[in-house]
Amino acid sequence: MKNRTMVERKSDRELVVTRAVNGPARIVFEAWTKPELFKRWWAPKSCGLTMLSCEMDVRVGGTYRLVFGHAASEQPMEFFGRYIDVTPHSRVVWTNDEGGEGGPLPR
């Protein structure tokens, strides 16, 4: 099976990305839900980003916060949100907000 990525815009504010990964579900789920593993693969080295911190409370209602640095910028970039659905070994659904001068994007 090839790694397929499907992107579907549901509305002006909702984007659904589905990716099929050829690997054991348990290992793929752990790579998405354990900070020490997530930090190893989330930001491709080719884009020049470094993950400065990764906080994840992977459970329904839990939150996450990712902070990245980029060589071309002195300002770190923050992404954060909450987990909406967590089904072990099959599904992780979360919101995504971006921090900046004005804080998160308005809802």
N, C-alpha and C. Protein backbone atom coordinates (compact mmCIF):
# COMPACT_ATOMS: atom_id res chain seq x y z
N MET A 1 0.84 -1.18 0.00
CA MET A 1 0.00 0.00 0.00
C MET A 1 0.88 1.24 0.00
N LYS A 2 0.56 2.21 -0.84
CA LYS A 2 1.27 3.48 -0.84
C LYS A 2 0.74 4.36 0.28
N ASN A 3 1.59 5.28 0.76
CA ASN A 3 1.13 6.27 1.72
C ASN A 3 0.31 7.30 0.95
N ARG A 4 -0.98 7.27 1.13
CA ARG A 4 -1.87 8.20 0.43
C ARG A 4 -2.33 9.28 1.38
N THR A 5 -2.36 10.51 0.89
CA THR A 5 -2.89 11.63 1.66
C THR A 5 -4.07 12.21 0.90
N MET A 6 -5.19 12.34 1.60
CA MET A 6 -6.38 12.95 1.01
C MET A 6 -6.71 14.20 1.82
N VAL A 7 -7.00 15.29 1.10
CA VAL A 7 -7.34 16.55 1.75
C VAL A 7 -8.72 16.96 1.26
N GLU A 8 -9.60 17.26 2.21
CA GLU A 8 -10.96 17.66 1.87
C GLU A 8 -11.33 18.89 2.68
N ARG A 9 -11.71 19.96 1.99
CA ARG A 9 -12.17 21.16 2.67
C ARG A 9 -13.65 20.98 2.98
N LYS A 10 -13.99 20.99 4.28
CA LYS A 10 -15.38 20.81 4.72
C LYS A 10 -16.12 22.14 4.79
N SER A 11 -15.38 23.21 5.14
CA SER A 11 -15.97 24.55 5.26
C SER A 11 -14.82 25.55 5.22
N ASP A 12 -15.15 26.82 5.40
CA ASP A 12 -14.10 27.85 5.45
C ASP A 12 -13.14 27.64 6.60
N ARG A 13 -13.57 26.94 7.64
CA ARG A 13 -12.76 26.78 8.83
C ARG A 13 -12.39 25.33 9.15
N GLU A 14 -12.76 24.40 8.27
CA GLU A 14 -12.48 23.00 8.56
C GLU A 14 -11.84 22.32 7.35
N LEU A 15 -10.71 21.71 7.63
CA LEU A 15 -9.96 20.97 6.62
C LEU A 15 -9.71 19.58 7.19
N VAL A 16 -10.05 18.55 6.44
CA VAL A 16 -9.83 17.18 6.89
C VAL A 16 -8.71 16.58 6.06
N VAL A 17 -7.66 16.13 6.75
CA VAL A 17 -6.52 15.49 6.10
C VAL A 17 -6.51 14.05 6.57
N THR A 18 -6.54 13.12 5.61
CA THR A 18 -6.50 11.70 5.92
C THR A 18 -5.26 11.11 5.27
N ARG A 19 -4.48 10.39 6.06
CA ARG A 19 -3.25 9.81 5.54
C ARG A 19 -3.22 8.33 5.87
N ALA A 20 -3.05 7.48 4.87
CA ALA A 20 -2.89 6.05 5.08
C ALA A 20 -1.40 5.75 5.19
N VAL A 21 -1.01 5.06 6.23
CA VAL A 21 0.39 4.73 6.46
C VAL A 21 0.52 3.21 6.50
N ASN A 22 1.47 2.69 5.77
CA ASN A 22 1.69 1.26 5.73
C ASN A 22 2.56 0.85 6.91
N GLY A 23 1.91 0.53 8.01
CA GLY A 23 2.63 0.13 9.21
C GLY A 23 1.64 -0.40 10.24
N PRO A 24 2.14 -1.08 11.26
CA PRO A 24 1.25 -1.58 12.31
C PRO A 24 0.53 -0.43 13.01
N ALA A 25 -0.78 -0.55 13.16
CA ALA A 25 -1.60 0.51 13.75
C ALA A 25 -1.07 0.94 15.12
N ARG A 26 -0.63 0.01 15.94
CA ARG A 26 -0.15 0.34 17.27
C ARG A 26 1.06 1.28 17.20
N ILE A 27 1.99 1.00 16.30
CA ILE A 27 3.20 1.81 16.18
C ILE A 27 2.88 3.19 15.60
N VAL A 28 2.02 3.24 14.58
CA VAL A 28 1.63 4.52 13.99
C VAL A 28 0.92 5.38 15.04
N PHE A 29 0.01 4.79 15.80
CA PHE A 29 -0.70 5.53 16.84
C PHE A 29 0.27 6.09 17.88
N GLU A 30 1.24 5.29 18.29
CA GLU A 30 2.24 5.75 19.26
C GLU A 30 3.06 6.91 18.71
N ALA A 31 3.39 6.86 17.41
CA ALA A 31 4.16 7.94 16.79
C ALA A 31 3.39 9.25 16.80
N TRP A 32 2.06 9.18 16.78
CA TRP A 32 1.22 10.38 16.81
C TRP A 32 0.89 10.84 18.23
N THR A 33 1.06 9.98 19.23
CA THR A 33 0.56 10.31 20.57
C THR A 33 1.62 10.36 21.67
N LYS A 34 2.84 9.97 21.38
CA LYS A 34 3.91 10.04 22.38
C LYS A 34 4.86 11.17 21.98
N PRO A 35 4.97 12.21 22.82
CA PRO A 35 5.80 13.36 22.46
C PRO A 35 7.21 13.02 22.03
N GLU A 36 7.86 12.06 22.69
CA GLU A 36 9.24 11.73 22.35
C GLU A 36 9.35 11.14 20.94
N LEU A 37 8.30 10.48 20.46
CA LEU A 37 8.29 9.95 19.09
C LEU A 37 7.81 11.02 18.11
N PHE A 38 6.79 11.75 18.47
CA PHE A 38 6.22 12.79 17.61
C PHE A 38 7.29 13.81 17.21
N LYS A 39 8.14 14.21 18.16
CA LYS A 39 9.19 15.19 17.90
C LYS A 39 10.19 14.69 16.86
N ARG A 40 10.32 13.40 16.70
CA ARG A 40 11.31 12.83 15.79
C ARG A 40 10.91 12.92 14.33
N TRP A 41 9.61 13.08 14.03
CA TRP A 41 9.19 13.02 12.63
C TRP A 41 8.27 14.15 12.18
N TRP A 42 7.65 14.88 13.08
CA TRP A 42 6.61 15.83 12.68
C TRP A 42 7.11 16.93 11.74
N ALA A 43 8.21 17.56 12.03
CA ALA A 43 8.73 18.65 11.19
C ALA A 43 9.84 18.11 10.29
N PRO A 44 9.61 18.09 8.97
CA PRO A 44 10.66 17.59 8.08
C PRO A 44 11.93 18.42 8.20
N LYS A 45 13.07 17.79 8.24
CA LYS A 45 14.34 18.50 8.34
C LYS A 45 14.57 19.44 7.16
N SER A 46 14.02 19.07 6.01
CA SER A 46 14.23 19.87 4.80
C SER A 46 13.59 21.26 4.87
N CYS A 47 12.64 21.48 5.78
CA CYS A 47 11.98 22.79 5.83
C CYS A 47 12.67 23.74 6.82
N GLY A 48 13.72 23.30 7.49
CA GLY A 48 14.49 24.18 8.36
C GLY A 48 13.86 24.48 9.71
N LEU A 49 12.83 23.74 10.10
CA LEU A 49 12.19 23.94 11.39
C LEU A 49 12.81 23.04 12.45
N THR A 50 12.85 23.54 13.66
CA THR A 50 13.27 22.76 14.81
C THR A 50 12.14 22.79 15.83
N MET A 51 11.74 21.63 16.34
CA MET A 51 10.71 21.61 17.36
C MET A 51 11.36 21.93 18.70
N LEU A 52 10.98 23.07 19.27
CA LEU A 52 11.56 23.51 20.53
C LEU A 52 10.89 22.86 21.73
N SER A 53 9.58 22.65 21.63
CA SER A 53 8.87 21.95 22.71
C SER A 53 7.63 21.27 22.16
N CYS A 54 7.23 20.22 22.86
CA CYS A 54 6.08 19.41 22.45
C CYS A 54 5.39 18.94 23.72
N GLU A 55 4.20 19.45 23.96
CA GLU A 55 3.39 19.03 25.10
C GLU A 55 2.12 18.41 24.56
N MET A 56 1.81 17.19 24.98
CA MET A 56 0.65 16.49 24.47
C MET A 56 -0.06 15.74 25.60
N ASP A 57 -1.35 16.02 25.76
CA ASP A 57 -2.21 15.27 26.69
C ASP A 57 -3.26 14.61 25.81
N VAL A 58 -2.90 13.46 25.22
CA VAL A 58 -3.69 12.84 24.18
C VAL A 58 -4.84 12.04 24.79
N ARG A 59 -5.96 12.72 24.94
CA ARG A 59 -7.22 12.13 25.40
C ARG A 59 -8.31 13.08 24.98
N VAL A 60 -9.54 12.61 24.88
CA VAL A 60 -10.64 13.49 24.49
C VAL A 60 -10.70 14.63 25.51
N GLY A 61 -10.66 15.87 25.02
CA GLY A 61 -10.65 17.05 25.88
C GLY A 61 -9.26 17.50 26.28
N GLY A 62 -8.25 16.66 26.04
CA GLY A 62 -6.87 17.03 26.35
C GLY A 62 -6.36 18.06 25.36
N THR A 63 -5.21 18.64 25.65
CA THR A 63 -4.66 19.68 24.80
C THR A 63 -3.24 19.34 24.35
N TYR A 64 -2.78 20.09 23.36
CA TYR A 64 -1.39 19.98 22.92
C TYR A 64 -0.87 21.38 22.63
N ARG A 65 0.45 21.52 22.67
CA ARG A 65 1.12 22.77 22.30
C ARG A 65 2.46 22.39 21.68
N LEU A 66 2.68 22.87 20.45
CA LEU A 66 3.93 22.63 19.74
C LEU A 66 4.58 23.98 19.47
N VAL A 67 5.86 24.10 19.76
CA VAL A 67 6.59 25.33 19.51
C VAL A 67 7.77 25.01 18.60
N PHE A 68 7.86 25.77 17.50
CA PHE A 68 8.90 25.57 16.49
C PHE A 68 9.77 26.80 16.38
N GLY A 69 11.03 26.58 16.02
CA GLY A 69 11.94 27.66 15.68
C GLY A 69 12.37 27.48 14.23
N HIS A 70 12.70 28.61 13.60
CA HIS A 70 13.16 28.57 12.21
C HIS A 70 14.39 29.45 12.12
N ALA A 71 15.40 28.98 11.41
CA ALA A 71 16.67 29.70 11.31
C ALA A 71 16.49 31.12 10.76
N ALA A 72 15.49 31.34 9.92
CA ALA A 72 15.29 32.66 9.31
C ALA A 72 14.47 33.60 10.19
N SER A 73 14.04 33.16 11.36
CA SER A 73 13.19 33.99 12.22
C SER A 73 13.61 33.86 13.67
N GLU A 74 13.59 34.98 14.37
CA GLU A 74 13.90 34.95 15.79
C GLU A 74 12.67 34.61 16.62
N GLN A 75 11.49 34.76 16.04
CA GLN A 75 10.26 34.49 16.74
C GLN A 75 9.85 33.03 16.60
N PRO A 76 9.61 32.34 17.72
CA PRO A 76 9.11 30.97 17.61
C PRO A 76 7.66 30.97 17.11
N MET A 77 7.24 29.87 16.52
CA MET A 77 5.87 29.69 16.05
C MET A 77 5.19 28.68 16.96
N GLU A 78 3.96 29.00 17.39
CA GLU A 78 3.21 28.10 18.25
C GLU A 78 1.99 27.57 17.54
N PHE A 79 1.73 26.29 17.76
CA PHE A 79 0.51 25.65 17.30
C PHE A 79 -0.07 24.93 18.51
N PHE A 80 -1.36 25.05 18.71
CA PHE A 80 -1.96 24.40 19.87
C PHE A 80 -3.42 24.10 19.59
N GLY A 81 -4.00 23.29 20.41
CA GLY A 81 -5.40 22.94 20.25
C GLY A 81 -5.79 21.88 21.25
N ARG A 82 -6.92 21.24 20.95
CA ARG A 82 -7.41 20.20 21.86
C ARG A 82 -7.81 18.97 21.05
N TYR A 83 -7.81 17.86 21.73
CA TYR A 83 -8.17 16.59 21.10
C TYR A 83 -9.69 16.41 21.20
N ILE A 84 -10.30 16.11 20.06
CA ILE A 84 -11.75 15.94 19.98
C ILE A 84 -12.13 14.46 20.03
N ASP A 85 -11.34 13.62 19.37
CA ASP A 85 -11.61 12.19 19.33
C ASP A 85 -10.28 11.45 19.38
N VAL A 86 -10.17 10.51 20.29
CA VAL A 86 -8.97 9.67 20.39
C VAL A 86 -9.45 8.23 20.54
N THR A 87 -9.21 7.44 19.51
CA THR A 87 -9.56 6.03 19.53
C THR A 87 -8.25 5.26 19.35
N PRO A 88 -7.77 4.62 20.42
CA PRO A 88 -6.47 3.95 20.35
C PRO A 88 -6.32 3.07 19.11
N HIS A 89 -5.18 3.25 18.49
CA HIS A 89 -4.73 2.47 17.34
C HIS A 89 -5.53 2.70 16.07
N SER A 90 -6.41 3.74 16.04
CA SER A 90 -7.14 3.95 14.79
C SER A 90 -7.44 5.40 14.45
N ARG A 91 -7.57 6.31 15.43
CA ARG A 91 -8.04 7.66 15.08
C ARG A 91 -7.60 8.69 16.11
N VAL A 92 -7.12 9.84 15.59
CA VAL A 92 -6.82 11.00 16.43
C VAL A 92 -7.37 12.22 15.68
N VAL A 93 -8.24 12.98 16.34
CA VAL A 93 -8.83 14.18 15.76
C VAL A 93 -8.56 15.33 16.71
N TRP A 94 -8.04 16.47 16.16
CA TRP A 94 -7.71 17.60 17.01
C TRP A 94 -8.02 18.91 16.30
N THR A 95 -8.11 19.97 17.09
CA THR A 95 -8.24 21.31 16.53
C THR A 95 -6.83 21.85 16.34
N ASN A 96 -6.69 22.90 15.54
CA ASN A 96 -5.39 23.51 15.32
C ASN A 96 -5.53 25.02 15.36
N ASP A 97 -4.84 25.65 16.29
CA ASP A 97 -4.80 27.11 16.39
C ASP A 97 -3.35 27.52 16.21
N GLU A 98 -3.14 28.77 15.83
CA GLU A 98 -1.78 29.27 15.67
C GLU A 98 -1.61 30.50 16.54
N GLY A 99 -0.49 30.56 17.25
CA GLY A 99 -0.20 31.71 18.07
C GLY A 99 0.62 32.72 17.29
N GLY A 100 0.54 33.92 17.69
CA GLY A 100 1.29 35.00 17.04
C GLY A 100 1.07 36.26 17.84
N GLU A 101 1.33 37.39 17.21
CA GLU A 101 1.19 38.65 17.92
C GLU A 101 -0.23 38.83 18.47
N GLY A 102 -1.23 38.42 17.68
CA GLY A 102 -2.61 38.60 18.10
C GLY A 102 -3.19 37.42 18.84
N GLY A 103 -2.37 36.42 19.15
CA GLY A 103 -2.87 35.23 19.83
C GLY A 103 -3.47 34.27 18.83
N PRO A 104 -4.33 33.36 19.31
CA PRO A 104 -4.90 32.39 18.40
C PRO A 104 -5.85 33.05 17.39
N LEU A 105 -6.04 32.37 16.29
CA LEU A 105 -6.99 32.86 15.30
C LEU A 105 -8.39 32.86 15.93
N PRO A 106 -9.20 33.89 15.65
CA PRO A 106 -10.55 33.92 16.25
C PRO A 106 -11.39 32.75 15.76
N ARG A 107 -12.27 32.28 16.60
CA ARG A 107 -13.17 31.17 16.27
C ARG A 107 -14.48 31.71 15.77
